[in-house]
Amino acid sequence: MGKGYIHVYTGDGKGKTTAALGLALRSICAGKNVFIGQFVKGMEYSELKSIDYLPNIVIKQFGRGCFIYKEPEDEDVKLARDGLSQCKKILREGNYDLVILDELNIATYYNLFTVEEAIAAIKGKAPHVEVIITGRRAHEKIIKIADLVTEMKEVKHYYNEGVEARKGIEY
C-alpha cells in the first residue's frame, strides 16, 4: 500500500461534496473500501442510497439537518463530537482506503469541535488512508496539513435566479 494523501475541497462554489463522491466512486470501482462521514447533515441526501448499489461503501451522518444559517444547538455539538470520535477510530484502524470527512470544515467553523481536534484525528490516520475534507471556510490549519487543496469558486449559480435544490442534483 502506498501513502495516503489529504485532500481539501473548499470554497463558496457548488461541487465540493460532489467531487468527493466522484473520487469515492472511482475508488470503489478500483476495489477499494470507502467510508463517508457527513458532519452537520441529517437530511435524506440521494448519495445515501449508494450503499444499495455499490459494494465497499459505508456512509454515516453526524447531524440532525442543516443549520448553516443559524447557531448550532447542544445536540448538534454532541452529534458532531460523537462523529469525530468515530472517524478518528476509523482513520486510525485503516480498514478503509478512502475516508471522506464531508462538511468537516463547516463543523470546525461552527465550533462543533476544534480544528486542533480535527487535525489530531486526521494526523492519527493509518499511513495508506486517503482523506478528503469538504466544506466551505476551510481553516488555514487544515489547508496547511493538506497535500491537495481545491477551491470551488462560484461564478454563476441558478440558485440566485430562484431555482430550488433538486433531488439527484443538489441532494
C-alpha atoms as a PDB file:
ATOM      1  CA  MET A   1       0.000   0.000   0.000  1.00  0.00           C
ATOM      2  CA  GLY A   2       1.194   3.470  -0.851  1.00  0.00           C
ATOM      3  CA  LYS A   3       0.985   6.703   1.083  1.00  0.00           C
ATOM      4  CA  GLY A   4      -2.453   8.196   1.545  1.00  0.00           C
ATOM      5  CA  TYR A   5      -2.770  11.925   0.948  1.00  0.00           C
ATOM      6  CA  ILE A   6      -5.030  14.600   2.421  1.00  0.00           C
ATOM      7  CA  HIS A   7      -7.323  16.475   0.024  1.00  0.00           C
ATOM      8  CA  VAL A   8      -9.367  19.581   0.839  1.00  0.00           C
ATOM      9  CA  TYR A   9     -12.289  20.729  -1.334  1.00  0.00           C
ATOM     10  CA  THR A  10     -13.439  24.139  -0.131  1.00  0.00           C
ATOM     11  CA  GLY A  11     -14.782  27.471  -1.376  1.00  0.00           C
ATOM     12  CA  ASP A  12     -18.163  29.081  -1.971  1.00  0.00           C
ATOM     13  CA  GLY A  13     -18.894  27.303  -5.239  1.00  0.00           C
ATOM     14  CA  LYS A  14     -21.020  24.203  -5.803  1.00  0.00           C
ATOM     15  CA  GLY A  15     -19.331  20.839  -6.140  1.00  0.00           C
ATOM     16  CA  LYS A  16     -17.268  20.064  -3.043  1.00  0.00           C
ATOM     17  CA  THR A  17     -19.236  17.033  -1.880  1.00  0.00           C
ATOM     18  CA  THR A  18     -19.901  16.072  -5.487  1.00  0.00           C
ATOM     19  CA  ALA A  19     -16.150  15.961  -6.202  1.00  0.00           C
ATOM     20  CA  ALA A  20     -15.569  13.846  -3.104  1.00  0.00           C
ATOM     21  CA  LEU A  21     -18.340  11.443  -4.160  1.00  0.00           C
ATOM     22  CA  GLY A  22     -16.775  11.200  -7.610  1.00  0.00           C
ATOM     23  CA  LEU A  23     -13.492  10.090  -6.063  1.00  0.00           C
ATOM     24  CA  ALA A  24     -15.429   7.644  -3.867  1.00  0.00           C
ATOM     25  CA  LEU A  25     -16.968   6.104  -6.988  1.00  0.00           C
ATOM     26  CA  ARG A  26     -13.564   5.855  -8.642  1.00  0.00           C
ATOM     27  CA  SER A  27     -12.095   4.206  -5.528  1.00  0.00           C
ATOM     28  CA  ILE A  28     -14.933   1.693  -5.240  1.00  0.00           C
ATOM     29  CA  CYS A  29     -14.543   0.758  -8.904  1.00  0.00           C
ATOM     30  CA  ALA A  30     -10.846   0.139  -8.195  1.00  0.00           C
ATOM     31  CA  GLY A  31     -11.817  -2.329  -5.443  1.00  0.00           C
ATOM     32  CA  LYS A  32     -11.132  -0.009  -2.525  1.00  0.00           C
ATOM     33  CA  ASN A  33     -13.174   0.401   0.669  1.00  0.00           C
ATOM     34  CA  VAL A  34     -14.746   3.814   1.290  1.00  0.00           C
ATOM     35  CA  PHE A  35     -16.127   5.446   4.435  1.00  0.00           C
ATOM     36  CA  ILE A  36     -18.055   8.718   4.260  1.00  0.00           C
ATOM     37  CA  GLY A  37     -18.783  10.637   7.434  1.00  0.00           C
ATOM     38  CA  GLN A  38     -21.160  13.546   6.878  1.00  0.00           C
ATOM     39  CA  PHE A  39     -20.989  16.250   9.537  1.00  0.00           C
ATOM     40  CA  VAL A  40     -23.971  18.590  10.136  1.00  0.00           C
ATOM     41  CA  LYS A  41     -26.031  16.562   7.664  1.00  0.00           C
ATOM     42  CA  GLY A  42     -29.065  14.599   8.721  1.00  0.00           C
ATOM     43  CA  MET A  43     -31.303  15.041   5.708  1.00  0.00           C
ATOM     44  CA  GLU A  44     -32.095  12.353   3.137  1.00  0.00           C
ATOM     45  CA  TYR A  45     -29.431  13.007   0.516  1.00  0.00           C
ATOM     46  CA  SER A  46     -29.545  10.828  -2.599  1.00  0.00           C
ATOM     47  CA  GLU A  47     -25.979   9.582  -2.108  1.00  0.00           C
ATOM     48  CA  LEU A  48     -27.168   7.676   0.964  1.00  0.00           C
ATOM     49  CA  LYS A  49     -28.782   5.207  -1.445  1.00  0.00           C
ATOM     50  CA  SER A  50     -25.386   4.352  -2.965  1.00  0.00           C
ATOM     51  CA  ILE A  51     -24.965   1.593  -0.391  1.00  0.00           C
ATOM     52  CA  ASP A  52     -27.829  -0.240  -2.144  1.00  0.00           C
ATOM     53  CA  TYR A  53     -25.957  -0.220  -5.453  1.00  0.00           C
ATOM     54  CA  LEU A  54     -22.239  -0.179  -4.689  1.00  0.00           C
ATOM     55  CA  PRO A  55     -20.033  -2.535  -2.712  1.00  0.00           C
ATOM     56  CA  ASN A  56     -17.432  -1.467  -0.174  1.00  0.00           C
ATOM     57  CA  ILE A  57     -19.049   1.796   0.968  1.00  0.00           C
ATOM     58  CA  VAL A  58     -20.304   2.953   4.351  1.00  0.00           C
ATOM     59  CA  ILE A  59     -21.990   6.318   4.936  1.00  0.00           C
ATOM     60  CA  LYS A  60     -22.835   7.768   8.349  1.00  0.00           C
ATOM     61  CA  GLN A  61     -24.411  11.109   9.125  1.00  0.00           C
ATOM     62  CA  PHE A  62     -23.436  13.069  12.213  1.00  0.00           C
ATOM     63  CA  GLY A  63     -26.101  15.754  12.229  1.00  0.00           C
ATOM     64  CA  ARG A  64     -29.800  16.497  12.537  1.00  0.00           C
ATOM     65  CA  GLY A  65     -30.158  18.573   9.444  1.00  0.00           C
ATOM     66  CA  CYS A  66     -28.507  21.660   8.099  1.00  0.00           C
ATOM     67  CA  PHE A  67     -28.064  24.695  10.369  1.00  0.00           C
ATOM     68  CA  ILE A  68     -25.738  26.691   8.146  1.00  0.00           C
ATOM     69  CA  TYR A  69     -27.855  29.827   8.603  1.00  0.00           C
ATOM     70  CA  LYS A  70     -28.307  29.610  12.365  1.00  0.00           C
ATOM     71  CA  GLU A  71     -26.387  28.808  15.520  1.00  0.00           C
ATOM     72  CA  PRO A  72     -25.816  25.160  16.431  1.00  0.00           C
ATOM     73  CA  GLU A  73     -27.583  23.688  19.432  1.00  0.00           C
ATOM     74  CA  ASP A  74     -26.149  21.351  22.081  1.00  0.00           C
ATOM     75  CA  GLU A  75     -27.460  18.313  20.184  1.00  0.00           C
ATOM     76  CA  ASP A  76     -25.601  19.435  17.041  1.00  0.00           C
ATOM     77  CA  VAL A  77     -22.372  19.655  19.045  1.00  0.00           C
ATOM     78  CA  LYS A  78     -22.927  16.225  20.609  1.00  0.00           C
ATOM     79  CA  LEU A  79     -23.632  14.543  17.261  1.00  0.00           C
ATOM     80  CA  ALA A  80     -20.592  16.144  15.623  1.00  0.00           C
ATOM     81  CA  ARG A  81     -18.267  15.277  18.506  1.00  0.00           C
ATOM     82  CA  ASP A  82     -19.502  11.674  18.527  1.00  0.00           C
ATOM     83  CA  GLY A  83     -18.958  11.592  14.760  1.00  0.00           C
ATOM     84  CA  LEU A  84     -15.411  12.925  15.063  1.00  0.00           C
ATOM     85  CA  SER A  85     -14.677  10.257  17.664  1.00  0.00           C
ATOM     86  CA  GLN A  86     -15.953   7.541  15.306  1.00  0.00           C
ATOM     87  CA  CYS A  87     -13.991   8.966  12.382  1.00  0.00           C
ATOM     88  CA  LYS A  88     -10.812   9.182  14.464  1.00  0.00           C
ATOM     89  CA  LYS A  89     -11.083   5.457  15.186  1.00  0.00           C
ATOM     90  CA  ILE A  90     -11.867   4.639  11.546  1.00  0.00           C
ATOM     91  CA  LEU A  91      -8.892   6.681  10.327  1.00  0.00           C
ATOM     92  CA  ARG A  92      -6.542   5.035  12.826  1.00  0.00           C
ATOM     93  CA  GLU A  93      -7.700   1.463  12.161  1.00  0.00           C
ATOM     94  CA  GLY A  94      -7.096   1.756   8.414  1.00  0.00           C
ATOM     95  CA  ASN A  95      -9.856  -0.628   7.275  1.00  0.00           C
ATOM     96  CA  TYR A  96     -10.989   1.931   4.684  1.00  0.00           C
ATOM     97  CA  ASP A  97      -8.736   3.084   1.851  1.00  0.00           C
ATOM     98  CA  LEU A  98     -10.618   6.366   1.381  1.00  0.00           C
ATOM     99  CA  VAL A  99     -12.245   8.349   4.189  1.00  0.00           C
ATOM    100  CA  ILE A 100     -14.353  11.373   3.319  1.00  0.00           C
ATOM    101  CA  LEU A 101     -14.990  13.888   6.108  1.00  0.00           C
ATOM    102  CA  ASP A 102     -17.859  15.705   4.435  1.00  0.00           C
ATOM    103  CA  GLU A 103     -18.539  19.211   5.800  1.00  0.00           C
ATOM    104  CA  LEU A 104     -15.791  18.892   8.416  1.00  0.00           C
ATOM    105  CA  ASN A 105     -14.825  22.484   7.582  1.00  0.00           C
ATOM    106  CA  ILE A 106     -18.311  23.692   8.479  1.00  0.00           C
ATOM    107  CA  ALA A 107     -18.186  21.699  11.723  1.00  0.00           C
ATOM    108  CA  THR A 108     -14.975  23.451  12.772  1.00  0.00           C
ATOM    109  CA  TYR A 109     -16.260  26.839  11.582  1.00  0.00           C
ATOM    110  CA  TYR A 110     -19.275  26.468  13.901  1.00  0.00           C
ATOM    111  CA  ASN A 111     -17.053  25.222  16.735  1.00  0.00           C
ATOM    112  CA  LEU A 112     -18.764  21.845  16.982  1.00  0.00           C
ATOM    113  CA  PHE A 113     -15.244  20.660  17.752  1.00  0.00           C
ATOM    114  CA  THR A 114     -11.921  22.456  17.460  1.00  0.00           C
ATOM    115  CA  VAL A 115      -9.746  22.489  14.382  1.00  0.00           C
ATOM    116  CA  GLU A 116      -6.993  21.035  16.576  1.00  0.00           C
ATOM    117  CA  GLU A 117      -9.204  18.056  17.470  1.00  0.00           C
ATOM    118  CA  ALA A 118      -9.963  17.521  13.788  1.00  0.00           C
ATOM    119  CA  ILE A 119      -6.286  17.702  12.847  1.00  0.00           C
ATOM    120  CA  ALA A 120      -5.326  15.247  15.597  1.00  0.00           C
ATOM    121  CA  ALA A 121      -7.867  12.763  14.200  1.00  0.00           C
ATOM    122  CA  ILE A 122      -6.574  13.224  10.649  1.00  0.00           C
ATOM    123  CA  LYS A 123      -2.892  13.028  11.610  1.00  0.00           C
ATOM    124  CA  GLY A 124      -3.627   9.805  13.514  1.00  0.00           C
ATOM    125  CA  LYS A 125      -4.699   8.069  10.299  1.00  0.00           C
ATOM    126  CA  ALA A 126      -3.130   4.840   9.092  1.00  0.00           C
ATOM    127  CA  PRO A 127      -0.413   5.752   6.551  1.00  0.00           C
ATOM    128  CA  HIS A 128      -2.223   4.330   3.490  1.00  0.00           C
ATOM    129  CA  VAL A 129      -5.574   6.056   4.126  1.00  0.00           C
ATOM    130  CA  GLU A 130      -6.543   8.778   1.646  1.00  0.00           C
ATOM    131  CA  VAL A 131      -8.598  11.531   3.299  1.00  0.00           C
ATOM    132  CA  ILE A 132     -10.929  14.075   1.717  1.00  0.00           C
ATOM    133  CA  ILE A 133     -12.167  17.036   3.746  1.00  0.00           C
ATOM    134  CA  THR A 134     -15.009  19.102   2.316  1.00  0.00           C
ATOM    135  CA  GLY A 135     -16.883  22.243   3.212  1.00  0.00           C
ATOM    136  CA  ARG A 136     -16.732  25.989   2.901  1.00  0.00           C
ATOM    137  CA  ARG A 137     -14.424  28.043   5.056  1.00  0.00           C
ATOM    138  CA  ALA A 138     -11.523  25.616   5.401  1.00  0.00           C
ATOM    139  CA  HIS A 139      -9.405  26.705   8.346  1.00  0.00           C
ATOM    140  CA  GLU A 140      -5.864  27.782   7.474  1.00  0.00           C
ATOM    141  CA  LYS A 141      -4.529  24.992   9.719  1.00  0.00           C
ATOM    142  CA  ILE A 142      -6.482  22.397   7.711  1.00  0.00           C
ATOM    143  CA  ILE A 143      -5.105  23.861   4.485  1.00  0.00           C
ATOM    144  CA  LYS A 144      -1.587  23.691   5.914  1.00  0.00           C
ATOM    145  CA  ILE A 145      -1.745  19.931   6.641  1.00  0.00           C
ATOM    146  CA  ALA A 146      -3.346  19.120   3.279  1.00  0.00           C
ATOM    147  CA  ASP A 147      -1.434  17.739   0.322  1.00  0.00           C
ATOM    148  CA  LEU A 148      -4.022  18.934  -2.209  1.00  0.00           C
ATOM    149  CA  VAL A 149      -6.399  21.883  -1.887  1.00  0.00           C
ATOM    150  CA  THR A 150      -9.055  22.772  -4.441  1.00  0.00           C
ATOM    151  CA  GLU A 151     -11.170  25.887  -4.041  1.00  0.00           C
ATOM    152  CA  MET A 152     -14.551  25.867  -5.750  1.00  0.00           C
ATOM    153  CA  LYS A 153     -15.414  29.411  -6.804  1.00  0.00           C
ATOM    154  CA  GLU A 154     -18.943  30.412  -7.667  1.00  0.00           C
ATOM    155  CA  VAL A 155     -19.042  32.283 -10.948  1.00  0.00           C
ATOM    156  CA  LYS A 156     -22.757  31.844 -11.618  1.00  0.00           C
ATOM    157  CA  HIS A 157     -25.448  29.761  -9.896  1.00  0.00           C
ATOM    158  CA  TYR A 158     -29.081  29.216 -10.852  1.00  0.00           C
ATOM    159  CA  TYR A 159     -29.977  29.325  -7.146  1.00  0.00           C
ATOM    160  CA  ASN A 160     -29.624  33.103  -7.418  1.00  0.00           C
ATOM    161  CA  GLU A 161     -32.395  33.027 -10.064  1.00  0.00           C
ATOM    162  CA  GLY A 162     -34.770  31.271  -7.665  1.00  0.00           C
ATOM    163  CA  VAL A 163     -34.083  27.649  -8.665  1.00  0.00           C
ATOM    164  CA  GLU A 164     -34.518  25.450  -5.601  1.00  0.00           C
ATOM    165  CA  ALA A 165     -32.356  22.445  -4.749  1.00  0.00           C
ATOM    166  CA  ARG A 166     -33.283  19.456  -6.906  1.00  0.00           C
ATOM    167  CA  LYS A 167     -33.209  15.808  -5.926  1.00  0.00           C
ATOM    168  CA  GLY A 168     -30.402  13.974  -7.678  1.00  0.00           C
ATOM    169  CA  ILE A 169     -28.567  17.206  -8.484  1.00  0.00           C
ATOM    170  CA  GLU A 170     -28.112  19.165  -5.248  1.00  0.00           C
ATOM    171  CA  TYR A 171     -29.241  16.484  -2.808  1.00  0.00           C
END
